[in-house]
Amino acid sequence: EMGVLAGQGQVAKVMRLMRALRPLRLMKRNKGMRLVIDALICTLAPVAYVVVFASLTLVVFALMGMKLFGGKFMRCSTPGAEYPAGKVECSGNHVGLEDGILVPRSWENPYFSFDSFGQSMLTLFQVSTVQYVD
């Protein structure tokens, strides 16, 4: 009895697959749809070339950014400790001017940086796609 039920499950899967492939049969009959799909398939290779070129360009600029800006975007977590003596001044605690809360100071890296290859690729991608605005 279990073999019969398992066989019926396989038949149901095949029937669902045939139902999912029905739009492909309609596409064969419709000449305009076939032309559009053929055009889309023919443009895949040029789009791949553009993606490869853009990726290589991002890699080159990420490496240049690491060399030029690596480690130079560090800042204090609170205002008042500015570069070049900022790292020495950025220690201890700071009283916020707006709310008067005592917060610890730390020398930190901003979210966008060129300190590692991954961070520089992410920074360049976000800047190139205009997704860097908070």
C-alpha atoms as a PDB file:
ATOM      1  CA  GLU A   1       0.000   0.000   0.000  1.00  0.00           C
ATOM      2  CA  MET A   2       2.868   2.416   0.767  1.00  0.00           C
ATOM      3  CA  GLY A   3       4.334   1.736  -2.689  1.00  0.00           C
ATOM      4  CA  VAL A   4       1.072   2.755  -4.338  1.00  0.00           C
ATOM      5  CA  LEU A   5       0.932   6.006  -2.356  1.00  0.00           C
ATOM      6  CA  ALA A   6       4.546   6.793  -3.171  1.00  0.00           C
ATOM      7  CA  GLY A   7       3.811   6.199  -6.858  1.00  0.00           C
ATOM      8  CA  GLN A   8       0.873   8.602  -6.693  1.00  0.00           C
ATOM      9  CA  GLY A   9       3.128  11.239  -5.117  1.00  0.00           C
ATOM     10  CA  GLN A  10       5.560  10.935  -8.013  1.00  0.00           C
ATOM     11  CA  VAL A  11       2.728  11.308 -10.516  1.00  0.00           C
ATOM     12  CA  ALA A  12       1.536  14.428  -8.714  1.00  0.00           C
ATOM     13  CA  LYS A  13       5.041  15.917  -8.890  1.00  0.00           C
ATOM     14  CA  VAL A  14       5.201  15.255 -12.630  1.00  0.00           C
ATOM     15  CA  MET A  15       1.793  16.873 -13.125  1.00  0.00           C
ATOM     16  CA  ARG A  16       2.871  19.969 -11.164  1.00  0.00           C
ATOM     17  CA  LEU A  17       6.025  20.165 -13.278  1.00  0.00           C
ATOM     18  CA  MET A  18       3.965  19.998 -16.473  1.00  0.00           C
ATOM     19  CA  ARG A  19       1.723  22.761 -15.146  1.00  0.00           C
ATOM     20  CA  ALA A  20       4.786  24.914 -14.393  1.00  0.00           C
ATOM     21  CA  LEU A  21       6.137  24.373 -17.927  1.00  0.00           C
ATOM     22  CA  ARG A  22       2.859  25.414 -19.603  1.00  0.00           C
ATOM     23  CA  PRO A  23       4.026  29.047 -20.173  1.00  0.00           C
ATOM     24  CA  LEU A  24       7.015  27.668 -22.099  1.00  0.00           C
ATOM     25  CA  ARG A  25       4.664  25.866 -24.478  1.00  0.00           C
ATOM     26  CA  LEU A  26       2.727  29.095 -24.969  1.00  0.00           C
ATOM     27  CA  MET A  27       5.982  30.909 -25.682  1.00  0.00           C
ATOM     28  CA  LYS A  28       6.717  28.463 -28.511  1.00  0.00           C
ATOM     29  CA  ARG A  29       3.462  29.381 -30.206  1.00  0.00           C
ATOM     30  CA  ASN A  30       3.747  33.156 -29.727  1.00  0.00           C
ATOM     31  CA  LYS A  31       6.321  34.500 -32.214  1.00  0.00           C
ATOM     32  CA  GLY A  32       6.604  37.929 -30.566  1.00  0.00           C
ATOM     33  CA  MET A  33       7.317  36.395 -27.153  1.00  0.00           C
ATOM     34  CA  ARG A  34       9.903  34.090 -28.703  1.00  0.00           C
ATOM     35  CA  LEU A  35      11.625  37.125 -30.281  1.00  0.00           C
ATOM     36  CA  VAL A  36      11.777  38.928 -26.921  1.00  0.00           C
ATOM     37  CA  ILE A  37      13.174  35.882 -25.106  1.00  0.00           C
ATOM     38  CA  ASP A  38      15.786  35.333 -27.842  1.00  0.00           C
ATOM     39  CA  ALA A  39      16.851  38.979 -27.575  1.00  0.00           C
ATOM     40  CA  LEU A  40      17.191  38.661 -23.791  1.00  0.00           C
ATOM     41  CA  ILE A  41      19.298  35.527 -24.125  1.00  0.00           C
ATOM     42  CA  CYS A  42      21.550  37.183 -26.743  1.00  0.00           C
ATOM     43  CA  THR A  43      22.245  40.119 -24.400  1.00  0.00           C
ATOM     44  CA  LEU A  44      23.488  37.930 -21.539  1.00  0.00           C
ATOM     45  CA  ALA A  45      27.076  37.753 -22.843  1.00  0.00           C
ATOM     46  CA  PRO A  46      27.511  41.553 -23.254  1.00  0.00           C
ATOM     47  CA  VAL A  47      25.993  42.143 -19.821  1.00  0.00           C
ATOM     48  CA  ALA A  48      28.447  39.625 -18.343  1.00  0.00           C
ATOM     49  CA  TYR A  49      31.340  41.512 -19.966  1.00  0.00           C
ATOM     50  CA  VAL A  50      30.127  44.774 -18.429  1.00  0.00           C
ATOM     51  CA  VAL A  51      29.828  43.165 -14.996  1.00  0.00           C
ATOM     52  CA  VAL A  52      33.366  41.742 -15.246  1.00  0.00           C
ATOM     53  CA  PHE A  53      34.759  45.118 -16.358  1.00  0.00           C
ATOM     54  CA  ALA A  54      32.971  46.980 -13.545  1.00  0.00           C
ATOM     55  CA  SER A  55      34.194  44.432 -10.984  1.00  0.00           C
ATOM     56  CA  LEU A  56      37.794  44.731 -12.147  1.00  0.00           C
ATOM     57  CA  THR A  57      37.531  48.525 -12.062  1.00  0.00           C
ATOM     58  CA  LEU A  58      36.242  48.376  -8.475  1.00  0.00           C
ATOM     59  CA  VAL A  59      39.109  46.055  -7.522  1.00  0.00           C
ATOM     60  CA  VAL A  60      41.694  48.459  -8.955  1.00  0.00           C
ATOM     61  CA  PHE A  61      40.208  51.470  -7.186  1.00  0.00           C
ATOM     62  CA  ALA A  62      39.812  49.497  -3.946  1.00  0.00           C
ATOM     63  CA  LEU A  63      43.525  48.693  -3.999  1.00  0.00           C
ATOM     64  CA  MET A  64      44.374  52.328  -4.758  1.00  0.00           C
ATOM     65  CA  GLY A  65      42.082  53.483  -1.945  1.00  0.00           C
ATOM     66  CA  MET A  66      43.743  51.082   0.487  1.00  0.00           C
ATOM     67  CA  LYS A  67      47.149  52.489  -0.429  1.00  0.00           C
ATOM     68  CA  LEU A  68      46.097  56.150  -0.298  1.00  0.00           C
ATOM     69  CA  PHE A  69      43.538  56.226   2.528  1.00  0.00           C
ATOM     70  CA  GLY A  70      44.246  53.113   4.625  1.00  0.00           C
ATOM     71  CA  GLY A  71      44.130  54.017   8.333  1.00  0.00           C
ATOM     72  CA  LYS A  72      43.592  57.750   7.719  1.00  0.00           C
ATOM     73  CA  PHE A  73      39.870  57.964   8.462  1.00  0.00           C
ATOM     74  CA  MET A  74      40.116  57.128  12.175  1.00  0.00           C
ATOM     75  CA  ARG A  75      38.367  59.583  14.485  1.00  0.00           C
ATOM     76  CA  CYS A  76      37.325  60.114  18.060  1.00  0.00           C
ATOM     77  CA  SER A  77      33.854  58.931  19.030  1.00  0.00           C
ATOM     78  CA  THR A  78      33.098  62.335  20.596  1.00  0.00           C
ATOM     79  CA  PRO A  79      33.889  65.847  19.329  1.00  0.00           C
ATOM     80  CA  GLY A  80      36.796  67.843  20.636  1.00  0.00           C
ATOM     81  CA  ALA A  81      39.720  65.562  19.816  1.00  0.00           C
ATOM     82  CA  GLU A  82      40.835  66.475  16.316  1.00  0.00           C
ATOM     83  CA  TYR A  83      43.615  65.186  14.081  1.00  0.00           C
ATOM     84  CA  PRO A  84      46.718  65.136  14.339  1.00  0.00           C
ATOM     85  CA  ALA A  85      46.867  65.049  18.157  1.00  0.00           C
ATOM     86  CA  GLY A  86      43.410  63.499  18.356  1.00  0.00           C
ATOM     87  CA  LYS A  87      44.460  59.984  19.289  1.00  0.00           C
ATOM     88  CA  VAL A  88      46.271  61.235  22.399  1.00  0.00           C
ATOM     89  CA  GLU A  89      43.391  63.542  23.373  1.00  0.00           C
ATOM     90  CA  CYS A  90      40.732  60.898  22.700  1.00  0.00           C
ATOM     91  CA  SER A  91      40.902  59.089  26.010  1.00  0.00           C
ATOM     92  CA  GLY A  92      38.926  59.068  29.197  1.00  0.00           C
ATOM     93  CA  ASN A  93      35.349  60.311  29.331  1.00  0.00           C
ATOM     94  CA  HIS A  94      33.429  63.133  27.716  1.00  0.00           C
ATOM     95  CA  VAL A  95      30.372  65.027  28.944  1.00  0.00           C
ATOM     96  CA  GLY A  96      27.823  65.517  26.170  1.00  0.00           C
ATOM     97  CA  LEU A  97      26.881  69.159  25.657  1.00  0.00           C
ATOM     98  CA  GLU A  98      23.270  68.463  24.710  1.00  0.00           C
ATOM     99  CA  ASP A  99      22.236  66.017  27.429  1.00  0.00           C
ATOM    100  CA  GLY A 100      25.064  66.127  29.987  1.00  0.00           C
ATOM    101  CA  ILE A 101      25.621  62.364  29.923  1.00  0.00           C
ATOM    102  CA  LEU A 102      29.112  61.059  30.603  1.00  0.00           C
ATOM    103  CA  VAL A 103      30.264  58.836  27.707  1.00  0.00           C
ATOM    104  CA  PRO A 104      33.596  57.061  27.202  1.00  0.00           C
ATOM    105  CA  ARG A 105      35.817  58.240  24.372  1.00  0.00           C
ATOM    106  CA  SER A 106      37.336  55.828  21.889  1.00  0.00           C
ATOM    107  CA  TRP A 107      39.452  56.112  18.765  1.00  0.00           C
ATOM    108  CA  GLU A 108      37.337  54.347  16.144  1.00  0.00           C
ATOM    109  CA  ASN A 109      37.099  53.673  12.470  1.00  0.00           C
ATOM    110  CA  PRO A 110      34.077  55.040  10.573  1.00  0.00           C
ATOM    111  CA  TYR A 111      31.719  52.676   8.765  1.00  0.00           C
ATOM    112  CA  PHE A 112      33.170  53.679   5.381  1.00  0.00           C
ATOM    113  CA  SER A 113      36.900  53.046   5.296  1.00  0.00           C
ATOM    114  CA  PHE A 114      39.711  51.696   3.166  1.00  0.00           C
ATOM    115  CA  ASP A 115      41.525  49.729   5.866  1.00  0.00           C
ATOM    116  CA  SER A 116      40.851  46.290   4.386  1.00  0.00           C
ATOM    117  CA  PHE A 117      40.048  45.032   0.903  1.00  0.00           C
ATOM    118  CA  GLY A 118      36.508  44.053   1.851  1.00  0.00           C
ATOM    119  CA  GLN A 119      35.783  47.406   3.491  1.00  0.00           C
ATOM    120  CA  SER A 120      37.198  49.305   0.519  1.00  0.00           C
ATOM    121  CA  MET A 121      35.136  47.249  -1.956  1.00  0.00           C
ATOM    122  CA  LEU A 122      32.009  47.843   0.135  1.00  0.00           C
ATOM    123  CA  THR A 123      32.744  51.565   0.387  1.00  0.00           C
ATOM    124  CA  LEU A 124      33.291  51.917  -3.356  1.00  0.00           C
ATOM    125  CA  PHE A 125      30.185  49.889  -4.168  1.00  0.00           C
ATOM    126  CA  GLN A 126      28.014  51.975  -1.873  1.00  0.00           C
ATOM    127  CA  VAL A 127      29.415  55.238  -3.201  1.00  0.00           C
ATOM    128  CA  SER A 128      29.036  54.139  -6.829  1.00  0.00           C
ATOM    129  CA  THR A 129      25.421  53.072  -6.302  1.00  0.00           C
ATOM    130  CA  VAL A 130      24.585  56.168  -4.208  1.00  0.00           C
ATOM    131  CA  GLN A 131      23.597  54.028  -1.220  1.00  0.00           C
ATOM    132  CA  TYR A 132      25.890  55.857   1.209  1.00  0.00           C
ATOM    133  CA  VAL A 133      23.337  58.438   2.347  1.00  0.00           C
ATOM    134  CA  ASP A 134      22.026  57.637   5.831  1.00  0.00           C
END
